[in-house]
Amino acid sequence: MTQLSPNEIVIVGGFNGKFLSDYYLLQFNDQGAAVSVTKQENERSMIQGATLFPFQVPTIGDIKNRQAYTVDWQNMSLFFYNGQKWTYNKHVKHQANF
């Protein structure tokens, strides 16, 4: 979960017997009360056969630009949220230089 804008939080993934590709947008009024919760179902991952948010998803948001990044540690992939949808950004597995 991360703050996406001054009045909005995004929650990614989850587990209910299987890993989920869903994400939720929660909007709050200026008094901090929740005014809406919107469930979004993400399109299939850019990695064939993968769920977008399957495992330990540290997420960081940019409230100025309403953007976010999240990392899928199972597939070692970085994903980017542009304010409307998630897209695959790059593979992040460290490659040793020996």
Protein backbone atom coordinates (compact mmCIF):
# COMPACT_ATOMS: atom_id res chain seq x y z
CA MET A 1 0.00 0.00 0.00
CA THR A 2 1.18 3.53 -0.68
CA GLN A 3 -0.13 7.06 -0.83
CA LEU A 4 -0.90 7.95 -4.44
CA SER A 5 -2.16 11.51 -4.06
CA PRO A 6 -2.98 13.85 -1.14
CA ASN A 7 -6.42 12.18 -0.79
CA GLU A 8 -5.79 8.74 -2.28
CA ILE A 9 -4.16 5.44 -1.28
CA VAL A 10 -3.52 2.44 -3.52
CA ILE A 11 -3.41 -1.11 -2.12
CA VAL A 12 -1.91 -3.77 -4.39
CA GLY A 13 -2.27 -7.54 -4.43
CA GLY A 14 -3.35 -9.83 -1.68
CA PHE A 15 -3.93 -13.50 -1.07
CA ASN A 16 -7.21 -15.44 -0.73
CA GLY A 17 -5.96 -18.96 -1.44
CA LYS A 18 -4.19 -17.65 -4.55
CA PHE A 19 -2.20 -14.50 -5.24
CA LEU A 20 -4.26 -11.64 -6.63
CA SER A 21 -3.70 -9.13 -9.43
CA ASP A 22 -6.30 -6.77 -8.00
CA TYR A 23 -5.59 -3.33 -6.65
CA TYR A 24 -7.80 -0.94 -4.74
CA LEU A 25 -7.99 2.85 -4.88
CA LEU A 26 -9.23 4.44 -1.65
CA GLN A 27 -10.20 8.11 -1.75
CA PHE A 28 -10.59 10.29 1.34
CA ASN A 29 -12.14 13.70 1.96
CA ASP A 30 -10.26 16.57 3.61
CA GLN A 31 -11.38 15.35 7.07
CA GLY A 32 -9.78 11.94 6.44
CA ALA A 33 -13.01 9.97 6.02
CA ALA A 34 -13.10 7.40 3.24
CA VAL A 35 -15.46 8.48 0.46
CA SER A 36 -14.88 5.69 -2.07
CA VAL A 37 -13.18 2.35 -2.55
CA THR A 38 -12.69 1.16 -6.12
CA LYS A 39 -11.49 -2.34 -6.94
CA GLN A 40 -9.44 -2.54 -10.14
CA GLU A 41 -8.62 -5.83 -11.80
CA ASN A 42 -5.30 -5.63 -13.51
CA GLU A 43 -4.69 -6.98 -16.96
CA ARG A 44 -2.48 -10.04 -17.19
CA SER A 45 1.11 -9.43 -16.35
CA MET A 46 3.60 -8.56 -19.02
CA ILE A 47 5.43 -11.73 -17.92
CA GLN A 48 3.68 -14.68 -19.54
CA GLY A 49 1.59 -16.63 -17.04
CA ALA A 50 2.48 -14.40 -14.08
CA THR A 51 0.16 -12.65 -11.69
CA LEU A 52 1.02 -8.97 -11.38
CA PHE A 53 1.20 -8.76 -7.58
CA PRO A 54 2.00 -12.32 -6.52
CA PHE A 55 4.53 -11.97 -3.74
CA GLN A 56 5.88 -9.34 -1.31
CA VAL A 57 5.17 -6.13 -3.15
CA PRO A 58 7.04 -3.16 -1.66
CA THR A 59 5.40 -0.13 -3.24
CA ILE A 60 6.33 3.54 -3.28
CA GLY A 61 4.14 6.39 -4.50
CA ASP A 62 4.77 9.83 -5.96
CA ILE A 63 1.87 11.99 -4.74
CA LYS A 64 2.85 14.98 -6.85
CA ASN A 65 2.55 13.02 -10.11
CA ARG A 66 0.03 10.35 -8.91
CA GLN A 67 2.40 7.55 -9.88
CA ALA A 68 3.81 4.49 -8.14
CA TYR A 69 6.39 1.74 -8.47
CA THR A 70 6.15 -1.76 -7.05
CA VAL A 71 8.52 -4.75 -7.09
CA ASP A 72 7.47 -8.37 -7.51
CA TRP A 73 10.22 -10.32 -5.73
CA GLN A 74 9.03 -13.69 -7.07
CA ASN A 75 9.62 -12.69 -10.70
CA MET A 76 12.20 -9.98 -9.84
CA SER A 77 10.24 -7.40 -11.83
CA LEU A 78 9.61 -3.69 -11.40
CA PHE A 79 6.16 -2.35 -12.32
CA PHE A 80 5.08 1.26 -12.85
CA TYR A 81 1.63 2.82 -12.25
CA ASN A 82 1.05 5.90 -14.42
CA GLY A 83 -2.13 7.00 -12.64
CA GLN A 84 -4.33 4.79 -14.80
CA LYS A 85 -2.74 1.36 -15.21
CA TRP A 86 0.24 -0.80 -14.23
CA THR A 87 2.91 -1.67 -16.78
CA TYR A 88 6.02 -3.81 -16.65
CA ASN A 89 9.10 -1.60 -16.31
CA LYS A 90 12.13 -3.89 -16.10
CA HIS A 91 13.71 -7.03 -14.69
CA VAL A 92 15.53 -6.16 -11.44
CA LYS A 93 17.55 -9.27 -10.56
CA HIS A 94 21.07 -8.26 -9.67
CA GLN A 95 23.64 -9.56 -12.12
CA ALA A 96 27.06 -10.12 -10.58
CA ASN A 97 29.99 -8.87 -12.65
CA PHE A 98 32.84 -11.31 -12.15
